[in-house]
Amino acid sequence: MAKDAIVQGDNGNASFDAAWKDVRADSDIQFTNIVPEPKQEPPEWWTDFLQWLNDALAPVADVMVTAWPVLRIIFLALLAAGVLTLLWVILSPYWQEWRNRKAETKEEWRPDQEAARQLLDEADALAAKGQFAEAAHLLLFRSIAEIEERRPDLLRPSNTAREIEQFDALPENARAMFAVIAGHVERGVFAAAPIGEEGWAASRHAYGAFALPETWLKQDDGLQ
């Protein structure tokens, strides 16, 4: 048995040696050490330039290191200023729009008092001649013109007086006074009911109230 074991051991060694020789003979496998190429030194002019740059910037670096506590504050201030500037550029249009809306809201609008008096004088002259319908029409047209002058985007050519008196963009009191004038004119035109002196007086009184500053004071319901 000992002899058989020795023979088997010799055969195993022979097989290993043969396999090792086969591997070493394979040209696809590299066994020789590769010596790396020596690192090429940079050209002298480049080395000189780096040395000059180092000598030139060394004092600047020393100054920055010494002044860094102050420079850090300056850099942070500049950064904050840049952020605020960016926010201003982005938000300023919205702020300006809000400011304009606020200014318009606070503005107290009403028909021009002098123009209102002149209109009443003209209407009174017509009424004195018994032309009550024409006088009431004059007040109605002038009221519409005054609203359109203030809010050209509010009225359309197709709007009727009844539609205008329901606009939420008008103060409640102004709508009520306008409705009085429009109601008398509408009855005179469509119902063929003469306005008469009583209807004229009601229309004139309504326009007088329509032109008062107090009629336009409620800004929440007013022209904005």
Protein backbone atom coordinates (compact mmCIF):
# COMPACT_ATOMS: atom_id res chain seq x y z
CA MET A 1 0.00 0.00 0.00
CA ALA A 2 2.88 2.31 0.77
CA LYS A 3 4.32 1.55 -2.62
CA ASP A 4 1.04 2.34 -4.35
CA ALA A 5 0.82 5.64 -2.50
CA ILE A 6 4.30 6.67 -3.65
CA VAL A 7 3.46 5.82 -7.25
CA GLN A 8 0.22 7.82 -7.11
CA GLY A 9 2.12 10.76 -5.60
CA ASP A 10 4.66 10.69 -8.38
CA ASN A 11 1.89 10.60 -10.98
CA GLY A 12 0.17 13.62 -9.36
CA ASN A 13 3.37 15.61 -9.38
CA ALA A 14 3.95 14.71 -12.97
CA SER A 15 0.42 15.84 -13.90
CA PHE A 16 0.86 19.16 -12.05
CA ASP A 17 4.20 19.79 -13.71
CA ALA A 18 2.70 19.07 -17.10
CA ALA A 19 -0.23 21.37 -16.45
CA TRP A 20 2.07 24.12 -15.20
CA LYS A 21 4.20 23.83 -18.32
CA ASP A 22 1.10 24.06 -20.48
CA VAL A 23 -0.02 27.23 -18.70
CA ARG A 24 3.39 28.80 -18.99
CA ALA A 25 3.49 27.94 -22.67
CA ASP A 26 0.17 29.74 -23.31
CA SER A 27 1.06 33.04 -25.03
CA ASP A 28 -2.25 34.60 -24.06
CA ILE A 29 -1.22 34.63 -20.41
CA GLN A 30 1.40 37.12 -19.31
CA PHE A 31 3.90 36.00 -16.67
CA THR A 32 6.68 38.53 -17.13
CA ASN A 33 6.69 41.67 -14.99
CA ILE A 34 5.96 44.92 -16.76
CA VAL A 35 8.25 47.71 -15.74
CA PRO A 36 6.33 51.01 -15.83
CA GLU A 37 7.80 53.74 -17.90
CA PRO A 38 9.55 56.37 -15.85
CA LYS A 39 7.46 59.45 -15.13
CA GLN A 40 8.27 62.21 -17.52
CA GLU A 41 9.27 65.43 -15.90
CA PRO A 42 7.29 68.50 -17.01
CA PRO A 43 9.07 70.91 -19.27
CA GLU A 44 11.23 73.45 -17.57
CA TRP A 45 9.20 76.38 -18.80
CA TRP A 46 6.10 74.96 -17.12
CA THR A 47 7.95 74.45 -13.86
CA ASP A 48 9.27 78.00 -14.04
CA PHE A 49 5.78 79.33 -14.69
CA LEU A 50 4.30 77.47 -11.71
CA GLN A 51 7.07 78.76 -9.50
CA TRP A 52 6.49 82.31 -10.69
CA LEU A 53 2.74 81.96 -10.13
CA ASN A 54 3.34 80.62 -6.64
CA ASP A 55 5.68 83.50 -5.81
CA ALA A 56 3.16 86.02 -7.20
CA LEU A 57 0.11 84.64 -5.39
CA ALA A 58 1.74 83.76 -2.11
CA PRO A 59 1.44 87.33 -0.71
CA VAL A 60 -2.19 87.51 -1.85
CA ALA A 61 -2.94 84.20 -0.15
CA ASP A 62 -1.24 85.39 3.03
CA VAL A 63 -3.31 88.58 3.02
CA MET A 64 -6.55 86.63 2.45
CA VAL A 65 -5.76 84.26 5.27
CA THR A 66 -5.05 87.16 7.59
CA ALA A 67 -8.14 89.12 6.49
CA TRP A 68 -10.47 86.13 6.21
CA PRO A 69 -12.64 87.05 9.24
CA VAL A 70 -13.43 90.38 7.59
CA LEU A 71 -13.67 88.95 4.08
CA ARG A 72 -16.08 86.28 5.28
CA ILE A 73 -18.47 88.98 6.52
CA ILE A 74 -18.15 90.86 3.23
CA PHE A 75 -18.81 87.72 1.19
CA LEU A 76 -21.88 86.88 3.28
CA ALA A 77 -23.17 90.43 2.87
CA LEU A 78 -22.68 90.24 -0.90
CA LEU A 79 -24.43 86.88 -0.98
CA ALA A 80 -27.38 88.27 0.99
CA ALA A 81 -27.53 91.30 -1.31
CA GLY A 82 -27.56 89.01 -4.34
CA VAL A 83 -30.38 86.91 -2.92
CA LEU A 84 -32.41 90.01 -2.05
CA THR A 85 -31.83 91.44 -5.52
CA LEU A 86 -33.02 88.20 -7.11
CA LEU A 87 -36.12 88.17 -4.91
CA TRP A 88 -36.83 91.78 -5.82
CA VAL A 89 -36.56 91.05 -9.54
CA ILE A 90 -38.97 88.12 -9.16
CA LEU A 91 -41.47 89.68 -6.76
CA SER A 92 -41.42 93.38 -7.73
CA PRO A 93 -44.01 93.00 -10.54
CA TYR A 94 -46.43 91.37 -8.11
CA TRP A 95 -45.73 94.04 -5.47
CA GLN A 96 -46.27 96.83 -7.98
CA GLU A 97 -49.54 95.25 -9.10
CA TRP A 98 -50.70 94.97 -5.48
CA ARG A 99 -49.69 98.59 -4.85
CA ASN A 100 -51.63 99.81 -7.88
CA ARG A 101 -54.71 97.86 -6.79
CA LYS A 102 -54.44 99.27 -3.29
CA ALA A 103 -54.13 102.81 -4.63
CA GLU A 104 -57.17 102.33 -6.85
CA THR A 105 -59.12 100.89 -3.93
CA LYS A 106 -58.39 103.91 -1.76
CA GLU A 107 -59.19 106.32 -4.55
CA GLU A 108 -62.57 107.92 -4.05
CA TRP A 109 -64.21 108.13 -7.43
CA ARG A 110 -67.31 110.06 -8.23
CA PRO A 111 -68.66 111.98 -11.22
CA ASP A 112 -67.17 115.42 -11.68
CA GLN A 113 -69.25 117.85 -9.66
CA GLU A 114 -68.98 120.72 -12.14
CA ALA A 115 -69.95 118.48 -15.04
CA ALA A 116 -72.87 117.13 -13.00
CA ARG A 117 -74.17 120.64 -12.32
CA GLN A 118 -73.91 121.58 -15.99
CA LEU A 119 -75.76 118.43 -16.95
CA LEU A 120 -78.56 119.18 -14.49
CA ASP A 121 -78.82 122.69 -15.90
CA GLU A 122 -79.21 121.28 -19.42
CA ALA A 123 -81.74 118.71 -18.24
CA ASP A 124 -83.68 121.33 -16.29
CA ALA A 125 -83.87 123.45 -19.44
CA LEU A 126 -85.41 120.54 -21.33
CA ALA A 127 -87.81 119.79 -18.50
CA ALA A 128 -88.86 123.45 -18.39
CA LYS A 129 -90.03 123.00 -21.97
CA GLY A 130 -92.02 119.93 -20.97
CA GLN A 131 -89.53 117.55 -22.58
CA PHE A 132 -89.32 115.29 -19.54
CA ALA A 133 -88.43 112.15 -21.49
CA GLU A 134 -85.53 113.87 -23.24
CA ALA A 135 -84.31 115.29 -19.93
CA ALA A 136 -84.39 111.86 -18.25
CA HIS A 137 -82.65 110.31 -21.25
CA LEU A 138 -79.90 112.90 -20.93
CA LEU A 139 -79.32 111.94 -17.28
CA LEU A 140 -79.24 108.24 -18.15
CA PHE A 141 -76.77 108.64 -21.02
CA ARG A 142 -74.53 110.85 -18.90
CA SER A 143 -74.56 108.34 -16.05
CA ILE A 144 -73.52 105.56 -18.42
CA ALA A 145 -70.79 107.76 -19.90
CA GLU A 146 -69.41 108.52 -16.45
CA ILE A 147 -69.27 104.82 -15.56
CA GLU A 148 -67.64 103.99 -18.88
CA GLU A 149 -65.09 106.76 -18.41
CA ARG A 150 -64.03 105.24 -15.12
CA ARG A 151 -64.24 101.57 -16.13
CA PRO A 152 -63.89 101.22 -19.92
CA ASP A 153 -63.50 97.47 -19.44
CA LEU A 154 -66.77 97.14 -17.56
CA LEU A 155 -69.32 98.12 -20.19
CA ARG A 156 -70.01 96.62 -23.57
CA PRO A 157 -72.01 98.14 -26.42
CA SER A 158 -74.61 95.42 -25.95
CA ASN A 159 -75.19 96.14 -22.25
CA THR A 160 -78.65 97.41 -21.40
CA ALA A 161 -79.43 99.80 -18.58
CA ARG A 162 -81.04 96.98 -16.64
CA GLU A 163 -77.82 94.95 -16.91
CA ILE A 164 -75.69 97.89 -15.83
CA GLU A 165 -77.73 98.47 -12.68
CA GLN A 166 -76.94 94.91 -11.60
CA PHE A 167 -73.14 95.19 -11.93
CA ASP A 168 -71.44 94.25 -8.68
CA ALA A 169 -68.53 96.51 -9.64
CA LEU A 170 -70.74 99.50 -8.84
CA PRO A 171 -71.44 100.57 -5.25
CA GLU A 172 -74.85 99.54 -4.02
CA ASN A 173 -76.07 103.12 -3.60
CA ALA A 174 -74.90 104.08 -7.07
CA ARG A 175 -76.69 101.07 -8.55
CA ALA A 176 -79.89 102.05 -6.76
CA MET A 177 -79.80 105.61 -8.06
CA PHE A 178 -78.95 104.44 -11.56
CA ALA A 179 -81.85 101.98 -11.42
CA VAL A 180 -84.29 104.79 -10.66
CA ILE A 181 -83.24 106.75 -13.74
CA ALA A 182 -83.12 103.67 -15.97
CA GLY A 183 -86.51 102.49 -14.73
CA HIS A 184 -88.30 105.71 -15.69
CA VAL A 185 -86.60 105.85 -19.07
CA GLU A 186 -87.37 102.19 -19.74
CA ARG A 187 -91.06 102.63 -18.96
CA GLY A 188 -91.18 105.69 -21.20
CA VAL A 189 -89.58 103.84 -24.11
CA PHE A 190 -90.91 100.29 -23.90
CA ALA A 191 -94.15 100.74 -22.00
CA ALA A 192 -95.03 103.92 -23.85
CA ALA A 193 -95.80 105.52 -20.47
CA PRO A 194 -94.91 109.21 -20.50
CA ILE A 195 -92.33 110.03 -17.87
CA GLY A 196 -94.15 113.14 -16.83
CA GLU A 197 -93.06 115.72 -14.32
CA GLU A 198 -93.16 113.28 -11.40
CA GLY A 199 -90.93 110.76 -13.17
CA TRP A 200 -88.57 113.51 -14.20
CA ALA A 201 -88.32 114.81 -10.63
CA ALA A 202 -87.50 111.30 -9.37
CA SER A 203 -84.86 110.85 -12.06
CA ARG A 204 -83.31 114.24 -11.33
CA HIS A 205 -83.17 113.50 -7.62
CA ALA A 206 -81.61 110.09 -8.32
CA TYR A 207 -78.89 111.60 -10.52
CA GLY A 208 -78.16 114.22 -7.88
CA ALA A 209 -77.57 111.41 -5.37
CA PHE A 210 -75.65 109.42 -7.98
CA ALA A 211 -73.17 112.30 -8.28
CA LEU A 212 -72.65 112.71 -4.52
CA PRO A 213 -69.33 111.59 -3.00
CA GLU A 214 -71.18 109.65 -0.29
CA THR A 215 -72.69 107.39 -2.92
CA TRP A 216 -69.24 106.06 -3.81
CA LEU A 217 -67.68 105.74 -0.36
CA LYS A 218 -68.25 102.01 0.14
CA GLN A 219 -65.08 100.79 -1.58
CA ASP A 220 -65.71 97.11 -1.00
CA ASP A 221 -68.64 97.32 -3.39
CA GLY A 222 -67.25 100.18 -5.45
CA LEU A 223 -65.15 100.57 -8.52
CA GLN A 224 -61.76 98.98 -7.96
